[in-house]
PDB file of N, CA and C in Angstrom:
ATOM      1  N   UNK A   1      18.027 -60.123 -22.018  1.00  0.00           N
ATOM      2  CA  UNK A   1      16.555 -59.840 -21.328  1.00  0.00           C
ATOM      3  C   UNK A   1      15.944 -61.151 -20.954  1.00  0.00           C
ATOM      4  N   UNK A   2      16.184 -62.325 -21.659  1.00  0.00           N
ATOM      5  CA  UNK A   2      15.636 -63.426 -21.116  1.00  0.00           C
ATOM      6  C   UNK A   2      16.049 -64.118 -20.175  1.00  0.00           C
ATOM      7  N   UNK A   3      17.475 -63.867 -19.812  1.00  0.00           N
ATOM      8  CA  UNK A   3      18.086 -64.127 -18.521  1.00  0.00           C
ATOM      9  C   UNK A   3      17.763 -63.622 -17.056  1.00  0.00           C
ATOM     10  N   UNK A   4      17.409 -62.323 -17.540  1.00  0.00           N
ATOM     11  CA  UNK A   4      16.839 -61.590 -16.553  1.00  0.00           C
ATOM     12  C   UNK A   4      15.424 -61.692 -15.961  1.00  0.00           C
ATOM     13  N   UNK A   5      14.749 -62.149 -17.102  1.00  0.00           N
ATOM     14  CA  UNK A   5      13.353 -62.533 -16.550  1.00  0.00           C
ATOM     15  C   UNK A   5      13.428 -64.054 -16.182  1.00  0.00           C
ATOM     16  N   UNK A   6      14.123 -64.874 -16.358  1.00  0.00           N
ATOM     17  CA  UNK A   6      14.499 -66.207 -15.755  1.00  0.00           C
ATOM     18  C   UNK A   6      14.894 -66.145 -14.354  1.00  0.00           C
ATOM     19  N   UNK A   7      16.126 -65.136 -13.870  1.00  0.00           N
ATOM     20  CA  UNK A   7      16.517 -64.952 -12.907  1.00  0.00           C
ATOM     21  C   UNK A   7      15.439 -64.426 -11.769  1.00  0.00           C
ATOM     22  N   UNK A   8      14.696 -63.225 -12.486  1.00  0.00           N
ATOM     23  CA  UNK A   8      13.406 -62.889 -11.773  1.00  0.00           C
ATOM     24  C   UNK A   8      12.294 -63.845 -11.040  1.00  0.00           C
ATOM     25  N   UNK A   9      12.251 -65.046 -12.113  1.00  0.00           N
ATOM     26  CA  UNK A   9      10.828 -65.830 -11.953  1.00  0.00           C
ATOM     27  C   UNK A   9      11.551 -66.981 -10.686  1.00  0.00           C
ATOM     28  N   UNK A  10      13.065 -67.114 -10.700  1.00  0.00           N
ATOM     29  CA  UNK A  10      13.543 -67.974  -9.795  1.00  0.00           C
ATOM     30  C   UNK A  10      13.911 -67.242  -8.601  1.00  0.00           C
ATOM     31  N   UNK A  11      13.740 -65.758  -8.412  1.00  0.00           N
ATOM     32  CA  UNK A  11      13.957 -65.197  -6.974  1.00  0.00           C
ATOM     33  C   UNK A  11      12.876 -65.613  -5.827  1.00  0.00           C
ATOM     34  N   UNK A  12      13.408 -65.960  -4.924  1.00  0.00           N
ATOM     35  CA  UNK A  12      12.151 -66.617  -3.842  1.00  0.00           C
ATOM     36  C   UNK A  12      12.556 -65.368  -2.647  1.00  0.00           C
ATOM     37  N   UNK A  13      13.135 -64.430  -2.698  1.00  0.00           N
ATOM     38  CA  UNK A  13      13.678 -63.620  -1.451  1.00  0.00           C
ATOM     39  C   UNK A  13      12.126 -62.754  -1.148  1.00  0.00           C
ATOM     40  N   UNK A  14      11.484 -62.469  -1.961  1.00  0.00           N
ATOM     41  CA  UNK A  14      10.023 -61.687  -1.673  1.00  0.00           C
ATOM     42  C   UNK A  14       9.137 -62.506  -1.379  1.00  0.00           C
ATOM     43  N   UNK A  15       9.380 -63.945  -1.599  1.00  0.00           N
ATOM     44  CA  UNK A  15       7.924 -64.811  -0.855  1.00  0.00           C
ATOM     45  C   UNK A  15       8.277 -65.237   0.475  1.00  0.00           C
ATOM     46  N   UNK A  16       9.721 -65.218   0.646  1.00  0.00           N
ATOM     47  CA  UNK A  16      10.029 -65.356   2.002  1.00  0.00           C
ATOM     48  C   UNK A  16       9.524 -64.266   3.175  1.00  0.00           C
ATOM     49  N   UNK A  17       9.702 -62.968   2.492  1.00  0.00           N
ATOM     50  CA  UNK A  17       9.452 -61.900   3.149  1.00  0.00           C
ATOM     51  C   UNK A  17       7.929 -61.653   3.574  1.00  0.00           C
ATOM     52  N   UNK A  18       7.187 -62.035   2.346  1.00  0.00           N
ATOM     53  CA  UNK A  18       5.618 -62.040   2.507  1.00  0.00           C
ATOM     54  C   UNK A  18       5.181 -63.221   3.530  1.00  0.00           C
ATOM     55  N   UNK A  19       5.880 -64.383   3.741  1.00  0.00           N
ATOM     56  CA  UNK A  19       5.571 -65.416   4.525  1.00  0.00           C
ATOM     57  C   UNK A  19       5.596 -65.008   5.968  1.00  0.00           C
ATOM     58  N   UNK A  20       6.675 -64.412   5.940  1.00  0.00           N
ATOM     59  CA  UNK A  20       7.124 -63.698   7.530  1.00  0.00           C
ATOM     60  C   UNK A  20       5.902 -62.667   7.893  1.00  0.00           C
ATOM     61  N   UNK A  21       5.700 -62.150   7.014  1.00  0.00           N
ATOM     62  CA  UNK A  21       4.622 -60.887   7.156  1.00  0.00           C
ATOM     63  C   UNK A  21       3.370 -61.674   7.511  1.00  0.00           C
ATOM     64  N   UNK A  22       2.755 -62.574   6.790  1.00  0.00           N
ATOM     65  CA  UNK A  22       1.696 -63.356   6.969  1.00  0.00           C
ATOM     66  C   UNK A  22       1.697 -64.086   8.712  1.00  0.00           C
ATOM     67  N   UNK A  23       2.650 -64.811   8.912  1.00  0.00           N
ATOM     68  CA  UNK A  23       3.027 -65.060  10.146  1.00  0.00           C
ATOM     69  C   UNK A  23       3.273 -64.249  11.137  1.00  0.00           C
ATOM     70  N   UNK A  24       3.423 -63.222  11.326  1.00  0.00           N
ATOM     71  CA  UNK A  24       3.532 -62.233  12.090  1.00  0.00           C
ATOM     72  C   UNK A  24       1.828 -61.563  12.296  1.00  0.00           C
ATOM     73  N   UNK A  25       1.293 -61.468  11.080  1.00  0.00           N
ATOM     74  CA  UNK A  25      -0.158 -60.933  11.003  1.00  0.00           C
ATOM     75  C   UNK A  25      -0.974 -61.957  11.908  1.00  0.00           C
ATOM     76  N   UNK A  26      -0.928 -63.450  11.611  1.00  0.00           N
ATOM     77  CA  UNK A  26      -1.527 -64.571  12.288  1.00  0.00           C
ATOM     78  C   UNK A  26      -1.243 -64.183  13.731  1.00  0.00           C
ATOM     79  N   UNK A  27      -0.294 -64.101  14.307  1.00  0.00           N
ATOM     80  CA  UNK A  27       0.361 -64.225  15.419  1.00  0.00           C
ATOM     81  C   UNK A  27      -0.341 -63.236  16.412  1.00  0.00           C
ATOM     82  N   UNK A  28      -0.058 -62.023  15.769  1.00  0.00           N
ATOM     83  CA  UNK A  28      -0.630 -60.591  16.326  1.00  0.00           C
ATOM     84  C   UNK A  28      -2.210 -60.831  16.080  1.00  0.00           C
ATOM     85  N   UNK A  29      -2.917 -61.527  15.535  1.00  0.00           N
ATOM     86  CA  UNK A  29      -4.551 -61.444  15.595  1.00  0.00           C
ATOM     87  C   UNK A  29      -5.216 -62.607  16.865  1.00  0.00           C
ATOM     88  N   UNK A  30      -3.971 -63.851  16.813  1.00  0.00           N
ATOM     89  CA  UNK A  30      -4.290 -64.633  17.822  1.00  0.00           C
ATOM     90  C   UNK A  30      -4.157 -63.889  19.241  1.00  0.00           C
ATOM     91  N   UNK A  31      -2.819 -63.070  19.299  1.00  0.00           N
ATOM     92  CA  UNK A  31      -2.819 -62.572  20.518  1.00  0.00           C
ATOM     93  C   UNK A  31      -3.695 -61.362  21.187  1.00  0.00           C
ATOM     94  N   UNK A  32      -4.370 -60.607  20.314  1.00  0.00           N
ATOM     95  CA  UNK A  32      -5.150 -59.698  20.319  1.00  0.00           C
ATOM     96  C   UNK A  32      -6.689 -60.511  20.668  1.00  0.00           C
ATOM     97  N   UNK A  33      -6.832 -61.518  20.136  1.00  0.00           N
ATOM     98  CA  UNK A  33      -8.379 -62.194  20.517  1.00  0.00           C
ATOM     99  C   UNK A  33      -8.035 -62.774  21.865  1.00  0.00           C
ATOM    100  N   UNK A  34      -6.751 -63.231  22.415  1.00  0.00           N
ATOM    101  CA  UNK A  34      -6.663 -63.931  23.613  1.00  0.00           C
ATOM    102  C   UNK A  34      -6.422 -62.856  24.380  1.00  0.00           C
ATOM    103  N   UNK A  35      -6.125 -61.880  24.354  1.00  0.00           N
ATOM    104  CA  UNK A  35      -5.799 -60.926  25.155  1.00  0.00           C
ATOM    105  C   UNK A  35      -7.121 -59.916  25.634  1.00  0.00           C
ATOM    106  N   UNK A  36      -7.893 -60.159  24.316  1.00  0.00           N
ATOM    107  CA  UNK A  36      -9.309 -59.536  24.682  1.00  0.00           C
ATOM    108  C   UNK A  36     -10.254 -60.271  25.638  1.00  0.00           C
ATOM    109  N   UNK A  37     -10.049 -61.773  25.158  1.00  0.00           N
ATOM    110  CA  UNK A  37     -11.101 -62.420  26.033  1.00  0.00           C
ATOM    111  C   UNK A  37     -10.752 -62.257  27.427  1.00  0.00           C
ATOM    112  N   UNK A  38      -9.328 -62.685  27.693  1.00  0.00           N
ATOM    113  CA  UNK A  38      -8.714 -62.737  29.207  1.00  0.00           C
ATOM    114  C   UNK A  38      -9.184 -61.243  29.954  1.00  0.00           C
ATOM    115  N   UNK A  39      -8.995 -60.163  29.100  1.00  0.00           N
ATOM    116  CA  UNK A  39      -9.165 -59.131  29.581  1.00  0.00           C
ATOM    117  C   UNK A  39     -10.658 -58.809  29.987  1.00  0.00           C
ATOM    118  N   UNK A  40     -11.580 -59.111  29.181  1.00  0.00           N
ATOM    119  CA  UNK A  40     -13.101 -59.407  29.765  1.00  0.00           C
ATOM    120  C   UNK A  40     -13.195 -60.105  30.992  1.00  0.00           C
ATOM    121  N   UNK A  41     -12.792 -61.296  31.023  1.00  0.00           N
ATOM    122  CA  UNK A  41     -12.941 -61.955  32.273  1.00  0.00           C
ATOM    123  C   UNK A  41     -12.218 -61.404  33.088  1.00  0.00           C
ATOM    124  N   UNK A  42     -10.903 -61.087  33.409  1.00  0.00           N
ATOM    125  CA  UNK A  42     -10.492 -60.096  34.434  1.00  0.00           C
ATOM    126  C   UNK A  42     -11.321 -58.856  34.753  1.00  0.00           C
ATOM    127  N   UNK A  43     -11.928 -58.409  34.041  1.00  0.00           N
ATOM    128  CA  UNK A  43     -12.817 -57.221  34.150  1.00  0.00           C
ATOM    129  C   UNK A  43     -14.204 -57.343  35.143  1.00  0.00           C
ATOM    130  N   UNK A  44     -14.616 -58.711  34.714  1.00  0.00           N
ATOM    131  CA  UNK A  44     -15.546 -59.269  35.388  1.00  0.00           C
ATOM    132  C   UNK A  44     -15.173 -59.773  36.507  1.00  0.00           C
ATOM    133  N   UNK A  45     -14.440 -60.242  36.808  1.00  0.00           N
ATOM    134  CA  UNK A  45     -13.732 -60.800  38.435  1.00  0.00           C
ATOM    135  C   UNK A  45     -13.374 -59.438  39.262  1.00  0.00           C
ATOM    136  N   UNK A  46     -12.540 -58.292  38.802  1.00  0.00           N
ATOM    137  CA  UNK A  46     -12.808 -57.120  39.297  1.00  0.00           C
ATOM    138  C   UNK A  46     -13.979 -56.834  39.896  1.00  0.00           C
ATOM    139  N   UNK A  47     -14.988 -56.904  38.776  1.00  0.00           N
ATOM    140  CA  UNK A  47     -16.044 -56.218  38.930  1.00  0.00           C
ATOM    141  C   UNK A  47     -16.903 -56.807  40.475  1.00  0.00           C
ATOM    142  N   UNK A  48     -17.010 -58.253  40.262  1.00  0.00           N
ATOM    143  CA  UNK A  48     -17.477 -58.863  41.406  1.00  0.00           C
ATOM    144  C   UNK A  48     -16.448 -58.943  42.410  1.00  0.00           C
ATOM    145  N   UNK A  49     -15.146 -58.696  42.647  1.00  0.00           N
ATOM    146  CA  UNK A  49     -14.664 -58.452  43.882  1.00  0.00           C
ATOM    147  C   UNK A  49     -15.086 -57.221  44.372  1.00  0.00           C
ATOM    148  N   UNK A  50     -14.767 -56.075  43.541  1.00  0.00           N
ATOM    149  CA  UNK A  50     -15.462 -54.721  44.194  1.00  0.00           C
ATOM    150  C   UNK A  50     -16.826 -54.825  44.634  1.00  0.00           C
ATOM    151  N   UNK A  51     -17.947 -55.480  43.999  1.00  0.00           N
ATOM    152  CA  UNK A  51     -19.175 -55.375  44.445  1.00  0.00           C
ATOM    153  C   UNK A  51     -19.395 -56.477  45.780  1.00  0.00           C
ATOM    154  N   UNK A  52     -18.261 -57.157  45.841  1.00  0.00           N
ATOM    155  CA  UNK A  52     -18.310 -58.120  47.212  1.00  0.00           C
ATOM    156  C   UNK A  52     -17.995 -56.957  48.246  1.00  0.00           C
ATOM    157  N   UNK A  53     -17.004 -56.427  48.175  1.00  0.00           N
ATOM    158  CA  UNK A  53     -16.320 -55.661  49.225  1.00  0.00           C
ATOM    159  C   UNK A  53     -17.119 -53.964  49.635  1.00  0.00           C
ATOM    160  N   UNK A  54     -18.137 -53.757  48.431  1.00  0.00           N
ATOM    161  CA  UNK A  54     -18.976 -52.867  49.015  1.00  0.00           C
ATOM    162  C   UNK A  54     -20.047 -53.500  49.701  1.00  0.00           C
TER     163      UNK A  54
END
């Protein structure tokens, strides 16, 4: 029983999966923020072009 507990405490595979999950979440938050800002600016630019054509 003691060896099982020691082996469980030394196991790092779960920590690695959590780290990859956190990295993926951080990248997706950054991508959503960036694309949202670019989308707003692009929409404003298209509106300005549309108004200029009218």
